[in-house]
């Protein structure tokens, strides 16, 4: 599976951005996909994710109510709609795929993901 993240940029606080993650290559029906972010000097953290089959979504508390994850099956693409952006949202955003997502648990840890995109920079100015 190859993942290509795009859509990052510079936005003022309170603004919006939409990130995309296009998947290609071998796909898995039970795959889970996630968004992570890493700010300078900090560890990579879970932002949110979606089960490709069924579309259930999961979010970190820090973005709940502001960010929305969706997918387009026909385009094999996952989206991260980010609204009410804050300076603390500034980071490199990565998409990732977990090929063996469990039915009763959604992966939120970096090591649980098998494939990663290259990252896209999001900068929120105050």
N, C-alpha and C. Protein backbone atom coordinates (compact mmCIF):
# COMPACT_ATOMS: atom_id res chain seq x y z
N UNK A 1 0.84 -1.18 0.00
CA UNK A 1 0.00 0.00 0.00
C UNK A 1 0.89 1.24 0.00
N UNK A 2 0.61 2.14 -0.91
CA UNK A 2 1.32 3.42 -0.93
C UNK A 2 0.33 4.52 -0.57
N UNK A 3 0.77 5.42 0.27
CA UNK A 3 -0.08 6.51 0.74
C UNK A 3 0.55 7.85 0.36
N UNK A 4 -0.28 8.74 -0.13
CA UNK A 4 0.18 10.06 -0.54
C UNK A 4 -0.69 11.11 0.12
N UNK A 5 -0.10 11.84 1.07
CA UNK A 5 -0.82 12.90 1.77
C UNK A 5 -0.60 14.23 1.06
N UNK A 6 -1.64 15.06 1.06
CA UNK A 6 -1.53 16.38 0.44
C UNK A 6 -2.54 17.33 1.08
N UNK A 7 -2.40 18.61 0.78
CA UNK A 7 -3.37 19.59 1.22
C UNK A 7 -2.92 20.51 2.34
N UNK A 8 -1.73 20.31 2.85
CA UNK A 8 -1.25 21.17 3.91
C UNK A 8 -0.98 22.58 3.42
N UNK A 9 -0.73 23.47 4.37
CA UNK A 9 -0.45 24.85 4.02
C UNK A 9 -0.42 25.74 5.23
N UNK A 10 -0.43 27.04 4.96
CA UNK A 10 -0.42 28.06 6.01
C UNK A 10 -1.81 28.67 6.11
N UNK A 11 -2.33 28.72 7.32
CA UNK A 11 -3.68 29.27 7.54
C UNK A 11 -3.68 30.05 8.85
N UNK A 12 -4.54 31.05 8.92
CA UNK A 12 -4.67 31.80 10.16
C UNK A 12 -5.51 31.04 11.17
N UNK A 13 -5.31 31.35 12.43
CA UNK A 13 -6.11 30.74 13.48
C UNK A 13 -7.59 30.98 13.21
N UNK A 14 -8.37 29.94 13.42
CA UNK A 14 -9.80 30.01 13.12
C UNK A 14 -10.15 29.55 11.72
N UNK A 15 -9.15 29.37 10.89
CA UNK A 15 -9.38 28.97 9.52
C UNK A 15 -9.55 27.47 9.36
N UNK A 16 -9.61 27.05 8.10
CA UNK A 16 -9.87 25.64 7.78
C UNK A 16 -8.91 25.15 6.71
N UNK A 17 -8.68 23.85 6.74
CA UNK A 17 -7.90 23.17 5.71
C UNK A 17 -8.47 21.77 5.54
N UNK A 18 -8.29 21.22 4.36
CA UNK A 18 -8.67 19.83 4.14
C UNK A 18 -7.46 19.06 3.61
N UNK A 19 -7.11 18.03 4.32
CA UNK A 19 -6.02 17.16 3.88
C UNK A 19 -6.60 15.94 3.19
N UNK A 20 -5.84 15.42 2.24
CA UNK A 20 -6.24 14.22 1.53
C UNK A 20 -5.14 13.16 1.67
N UNK A 21 -5.55 11.91 1.65
CA UNK A 21 -4.60 10.80 1.68
C UNK A 21 -5.07 9.78 0.65
N UNK A 22 -4.34 9.71 -0.45
CA UNK A 22 -4.69 8.79 -1.52
C UNK A 22 -3.93 7.47 -1.35
N UNK A 23 -4.66 6.37 -1.38
CA UNK A 23 -4.06 5.05 -1.23
C UNK A 23 -4.01 4.35 -2.58
N UNK A 24 -2.92 3.65 -2.83
CA UNK A 24 -2.77 2.88 -4.06
C UNK A 24 -2.05 1.58 -3.75
N UNK A 25 -2.07 0.68 -4.71
CA UNK A 25 -1.45 -0.61 -4.50
C UNK A 25 -2.43 -1.58 -3.89
N UNK A 26 -1.93 -2.56 -3.19
CA UNK A 26 -2.79 -3.56 -2.59
C UNK A 26 -3.62 -2.94 -1.48
N UNK A 27 -4.89 -3.26 -1.44
CA UNK A 27 -5.76 -2.76 -0.38
C UNK A 27 -6.37 -3.92 0.37
N UNK A 28 -6.87 -3.68 1.55
CA UNK A 28 -7.43 -4.69 2.42
C UNK A 28 -8.81 -4.24 2.86
N UNK A 29 -9.78 -5.14 2.84
CA UNK A 29 -11.14 -4.76 3.16
C UNK A 29 -11.29 -4.36 4.62
N UNK A 30 -10.47 -4.91 5.50
CA UNK A 30 -10.60 -4.61 6.92
C UNK A 30 -9.62 -3.55 7.38
N UNK A 31 -9.11 -2.78 6.45
CA UNK A 31 -8.09 -1.81 6.78
C UNK A 31 -8.63 -0.67 7.63
N UNK A 32 -7.80 -0.17 8.48
CA UNK A 32 -8.12 1.05 9.20
C UNK A 32 -7.11 2.10 8.80
N UNK A 33 -7.56 3.32 8.69
CA UNK A 33 -6.64 4.39 8.31
C UNK A 33 -6.68 5.50 9.34
N UNK A 34 -5.53 6.07 9.57
CA UNK A 34 -5.44 7.09 10.60
C UNK A 34 -4.66 8.31 10.16
N UNK A 35 -4.91 9.38 10.86
CA UNK A 35 -4.13 10.60 10.72
C UNK A 35 -3.34 10.82 12.01
N UNK A 36 -2.09 11.12 11.86
CA UNK A 36 -1.21 11.46 12.97
C UNK A 36 -0.57 12.81 12.69
N UNK A 37 -0.02 13.40 13.72
CA UNK A 37 0.71 14.65 13.53
C UNK A 37 1.91 14.70 14.45
N UNK A 38 2.90 15.43 14.02
CA UNK A 38 4.11 15.57 14.81
C UNK A 38 4.60 17.00 14.75
N UNK A 39 4.58 17.64 15.91
CA UNK A 39 5.09 19.00 16.03
C UNK A 39 6.58 18.95 16.37
N UNK A 40 7.33 20.00 16.09
CA UNK A 40 8.76 20.00 16.39
C UNK A 40 9.04 19.70 17.86
N UNK A 41 9.91 18.75 18.09
CA UNK A 41 10.31 18.40 19.45
C UNK A 41 9.31 17.53 20.20
N UNK A 42 8.25 17.12 19.51
CA UNK A 42 7.23 16.30 20.17
C UNK A 42 7.10 14.95 19.48
N UNK A 43 6.48 14.03 20.18
CA UNK A 43 6.25 12.72 19.60
C UNK A 43 5.07 12.77 18.62
N UNK A 44 5.09 11.84 17.71
CA UNK A 44 3.97 11.73 16.79
C UNK A 44 2.73 11.26 17.55
N UNK A 45 1.61 11.94 17.31
CA UNK A 45 0.40 11.62 18.05
C UNK A 45 -0.77 11.35 17.13
N UNK A 46 -1.68 10.53 17.64
CA UNK A 46 -2.90 10.17 16.92
C UNK A 46 -3.84 11.36 16.87
N UNK A 47 -4.37 11.63 15.69
CA UNK A 47 -5.35 12.70 15.50
C UNK A 47 -6.74 12.10 15.35
N UNK A 48 -6.85 11.09 14.50
CA UNK A 48 -8.13 10.45 14.26
C UNK A 48 -7.97 9.35 13.24
N UNK A 49 -9.04 8.58 13.06
CA UNK A 49 -8.97 7.49 12.10
C UNK A 49 -10.34 7.03 11.68
N UNK A 50 -10.35 6.15 10.69
CA UNK A 50 -11.60 5.65 10.14
C UNK A 50 -11.44 4.20 9.73
N UNK A 51 -12.48 3.42 10.00
CA UNK A 51 -12.53 2.06 9.49
C UNK A 51 -12.99 2.13 8.05
N UNK A 52 -12.19 1.53 7.13
CA UNK A 52 -12.57 1.62 5.74
C UNK A 52 -13.88 0.91 5.48
N UNK A 53 -14.09 -0.20 6.14
CA UNK A 53 -15.35 -0.92 6.02
C UNK A 53 -16.30 -0.45 7.11
N UNK A 54 -17.33 0.24 6.73
CA UNK A 54 -18.30 0.72 7.71
C UNK A 54 -18.21 2.21 7.96
N UNK A 55 -17.00 2.75 7.92
CA UNK A 55 -16.83 4.19 8.05
C UNK A 55 -16.84 4.75 9.45
N UNK A 56 -16.76 3.91 10.48
CA UNK A 56 -16.71 4.45 11.85
C UNK A 56 -15.47 5.30 12.02
N UNK A 57 -15.64 6.42 12.73
CA UNK A 57 -14.53 7.35 12.94
C UNK A 57 -14.18 7.48 14.41
N UNK A 58 -12.96 7.88 14.65
CA UNK A 58 -12.41 8.00 15.99
C UNK A 58 -11.52 9.23 16.02
N UNK A 59 -11.56 9.96 17.14
CA UNK A 59 -10.82 11.21 17.23
C UNK A 59 -10.10 11.35 18.57
N UNK A 60 -8.98 12.03 18.52
CA UNK A 60 -8.34 12.45 19.76
C UNK A 60 -9.18 13.54 20.39
N UNK A 61 -9.15 13.62 21.71
CA UNK A 61 -9.95 14.63 22.41
C UNK A 61 -9.60 16.04 21.98
N UNK A 62 -8.34 16.25 21.62
CA UNK A 62 -7.87 17.60 21.29
C UNK A 62 -8.47 18.14 19.99
N UNK A 63 -9.01 17.26 19.15
CA UNK A 63 -9.55 17.72 17.87
C UNK A 63 -11.04 17.41 17.72
N UNK A 64 -11.60 16.71 18.68
CA UNK A 64 -13.00 16.31 18.60
C UNK A 64 -13.89 17.55 18.48
N UNK A 65 -14.79 17.51 17.52
CA UNK A 65 -15.68 18.64 17.30
C UNK A 65 -15.14 19.67 16.32
N UNK A 66 -13.85 19.60 16.02
CA UNK A 66 -13.24 20.53 15.06
C UNK A 66 -12.79 19.83 13.78
N UNK A 67 -12.36 18.60 13.91
CA UNK A 67 -11.86 17.84 12.76
C UNK A 67 -12.85 16.75 12.39
N UNK A 68 -12.93 16.46 11.10
CA UNK A 68 -13.81 15.41 10.61
C UNK A 68 -13.07 14.57 9.59
N UNK A 69 -13.15 13.27 9.76
CA UNK A 69 -12.52 12.33 8.84
C UNK A 69 -13.59 11.67 7.99
N UNK A 70 -13.30 11.54 6.72
CA UNK A 70 -14.22 10.87 5.81
C UNK A 70 -13.40 10.10 4.77
N UNK A 71 -14.09 9.31 3.96
CA UNK A 71 -13.39 8.57 2.92
C UNK A 71 -14.25 8.51 1.67
N UNK A 72 -13.58 8.33 0.55
CA UNK A 72 -14.25 8.12 -0.73
C UNK A 72 -13.76 6.78 -1.25
N UNK A 73 -14.64 5.79 -1.17
CA UNK A 73 -14.25 4.44 -1.57
C UNK A 73 -13.81 4.38 -3.03
N UNK A 74 -14.52 5.07 -3.88
CA UNK A 74 -14.24 5.00 -5.31
C UNK A 74 -12.85 5.57 -5.63
N UNK A 75 -12.41 6.53 -4.85
CA UNK A 75 -11.11 7.16 -5.09
C UNK A 75 -10.02 6.63 -4.17
N UNK A 76 -10.39 5.69 -3.28
CA UNK A 76 -9.42 5.17 -2.30
C UNK A 76 -8.72 6.32 -1.58
N UNK A 77 -9.50 7.28 -1.16
CA UNK A 77 -8.94 8.48 -0.55
C UNK A 77 -9.61 8.78 0.77
N UNK A 78 -8.81 9.15 1.74
CA UNK A 78 -9.28 9.56 3.06
C UNK A 78 -9.05 11.06 3.18
N UNK A 79 -9.95 11.71 3.89
CA UNK A 79 -9.86 13.17 4.05
C UNK A 79 -9.83 13.54 5.54
N UNK A 80 -9.20 14.65 5.81
CA UNK A 80 -9.23 15.23 7.15
C UNK A 80 -9.63 16.69 7.00
N UNK A 81 -10.88 16.97 7.36
CA UNK A 81 -11.39 18.33 7.32
C UNK A 81 -11.09 18.97 8.67
N UNK A 82 -10.32 20.04 8.64
CA UNK A 82 -9.90 20.70 9.87
C UNK A 82 -10.49 22.09 9.93
N UNK A 83 -11.30 22.33 10.95
CA UNK A 83 -11.93 23.64 11.15
C UNK A 83 -11.49 24.23 12.48
N UNK A 84 -11.72 25.51 12.63
CA UNK A 84 -11.37 26.22 13.86
C UNK A 84 -9.94 25.91 14.27
N UNK A 85 -9.06 26.02 13.33
CA UNK A 85 -7.66 25.66 13.58
C UNK A 85 -7.02 26.60 14.60
N UNK A 86 -6.13 26.01 15.39
CA UNK A 86 -5.43 26.73 16.43
C UNK A 86 -3.92 26.64 16.17
N UNK A 87 -3.15 27.58 16.70
CA UNK A 87 -1.69 27.50 16.51
C UNK A 87 -1.11 26.17 16.98
N UNK A 88 -1.71 25.59 18.02
CA UNK A 88 -1.20 24.31 18.53
C UNK A 88 -1.50 23.14 17.60
N UNK A 89 -2.25 23.37 16.54
CA UNK A 89 -2.46 22.33 15.53
C UNK A 89 -1.31 22.29 14.52
N UNK A 90 -0.40 23.23 14.62
CA UNK A 90 0.74 23.27 13.71
C UNK A 90 1.59 22.01 13.87
N UNK A 91 1.82 21.32 12.76
CA UNK A 91 2.57 20.06 12.79
C UNK A 91 2.69 19.53 11.36
N UNK A 92 3.49 18.50 11.23
CA UNK A 92 3.47 17.70 10.01
C UNK A 92 2.43 16.62 10.22
N UNK A 93 1.51 16.53 9.27
CA UNK A 93 0.43 15.56 9.37
C UNK A 93 0.72 14.38 8.47
N UNK A 94 0.56 13.18 9.04
CA UNK A 94 0.82 11.94 8.32
C UNK A 94 -0.45 11.10 8.26
N UNK A 95 -0.64 10.42 7.14
CA UNK A 95 -1.68 9.40 7.11
C UNK A 95 -1.01 8.03 7.17
N UNK A 96 -1.75 7.08 7.68
CA UNK A 96 -1.20 5.75 7.89
C UNK A 96 -2.30 4.72 7.74
N UNK A 97 -1.89 3.48 7.48
CA UNK A 97 -2.85 2.39 7.30
C UNK A 97 -2.48 1.22 8.20
N UNK A 98 -3.50 0.69 8.84
CA UNK A 98 -3.38 -0.50 9.68
C UNK A 98 -4.10 -1.64 8.95
N UNK A 99 -3.38 -2.61 8.44
CA UNK A 99 -3.98 -3.63 7.60
C UNK A 99 -4.75 -4.68 8.37
N UNK A 100 -4.65 -4.68 9.70
CA UNK A 100 -5.34 -5.71 10.48
C UNK A 100 -6.13 -5.09 11.63
N UNK A 101 -6.90 -4.06 11.31
CA UNK A 101 -7.65 -3.40 12.37
C UNK A 101 -8.64 -4.37 13.01
N UNK A 102 -8.70 -4.38 14.31
CA UNK A 102 -9.56 -5.30 15.04
C UNK A 102 -11.00 -4.80 15.05
N UNK A 103 -11.91 -5.73 15.26
CA UNK A 103 -13.33 -5.37 15.22
C UNK A 103 -13.74 -4.52 16.42
N UNK A 104 -13.11 -4.74 17.56
CA UNK A 104 -13.54 -4.06 18.79
C UNK A 104 -12.52 -3.06 19.31
N UNK A 105 -11.50 -2.77 18.52
CA UNK A 105 -10.46 -1.86 18.97
C UNK A 105 -9.91 -1.12 17.75
N UNK A 106 -9.74 0.18 17.88
CA UNK A 106 -9.16 0.95 16.79
C UNK A 106 -7.79 1.44 17.20
N UNK A 107 -6.81 1.16 16.36
CA UNK A 107 -5.42 1.48 16.67
C UNK A 107 -5.18 2.98 16.78
N UNK A 108 -4.49 3.37 17.85
CA UNK A 108 -4.15 4.78 18.05
C UNK A 108 -2.66 4.98 18.27
N UNK A 109 -1.89 3.90 18.19
CA UNK A 109 -0.46 3.97 18.46
C UNK A 109 0.33 3.87 17.16
N UNK A 110 1.41 4.60 17.10
CA UNK A 110 2.22 4.65 15.89
C UNK A 110 2.65 3.25 15.45
N UNK A 111 3.08 2.43 16.40
CA UNK A 111 3.64 1.12 16.05
C UNK A 111 2.60 0.14 15.52
N UNK A 112 1.33 0.49 15.67
CA UNK A 112 0.27 -0.39 15.21
C UNK A 112 -0.04 -0.22 13.72
N UNK A 113 0.58 0.77 13.10
CA UNK A 113 0.31 1.04 11.70
C UNK A 113 1.43 0.49 10.81
N UNK A 114 1.01 -0.05 9.67
CA UNK A 114 1.95 -0.76 8.80
C UNK A 114 2.49 0.11 7.66
N UNK A 115 1.71 1.07 7.22
CA UNK A 115 2.10 1.88 6.06
C UNK A 115 1.92 3.35 6.40
N UNK A 116 2.82 4.17 5.89
CA UNK A 116 2.80 5.60 6.19
C UNK A 116 2.99 6.43 4.92
N UNK A 117 2.29 7.55 4.90
CA UNK A 117 2.52 8.53 3.86
C UNK A 117 3.69 9.42 4.22
N UNK A 118 4.03 10.36 3.36
CA UNK A 118 5.23 11.16 3.53
C UNK A 118 5.04 12.39 4.41
N UNK A 119 3.81 12.75 4.75
CA UNK A 119 3.58 13.90 5.61
C UNK A 119 3.35 15.18 4.83
N UNK A 120 2.52 16.04 5.40
CA UNK A 120 2.24 17.33 4.81
C UNK A 120 2.20 18.37 5.94
N UNK A 121 2.84 19.50 5.72
CA UNK A 121 2.99 20.51 6.76
C UNK A 121 1.73 21.36 6.89
N UNK A 122 1.27 21.51 8.11
CA UNK A 122 0.17 22.43 8.42
C UNK A 122 0.70 23.45 9.41
N UNK A 123 0.59 24.71 9.05
CA UNK A 123 1.04 25.79 9.91
C UNK A 123 -0.12 26.74 10.17
N UNK A 124 -0.41 26.95 11.44
CA UNK A 124 -1.50 27.84 11.83
C UNK A 124 -0.90 29.05 12.53
N UNK A 125 -1.11 30.22 11.96
CA UNK A 125 -0.55 31.43 12.52
C UNK A 125 -1.56 32.08 13.47
N UNK A 126 -1.05 32.73 14.50
CA UNK A 126 -1.94 33.37 15.48
C UNK A 126 -2.26 34.80 15.10
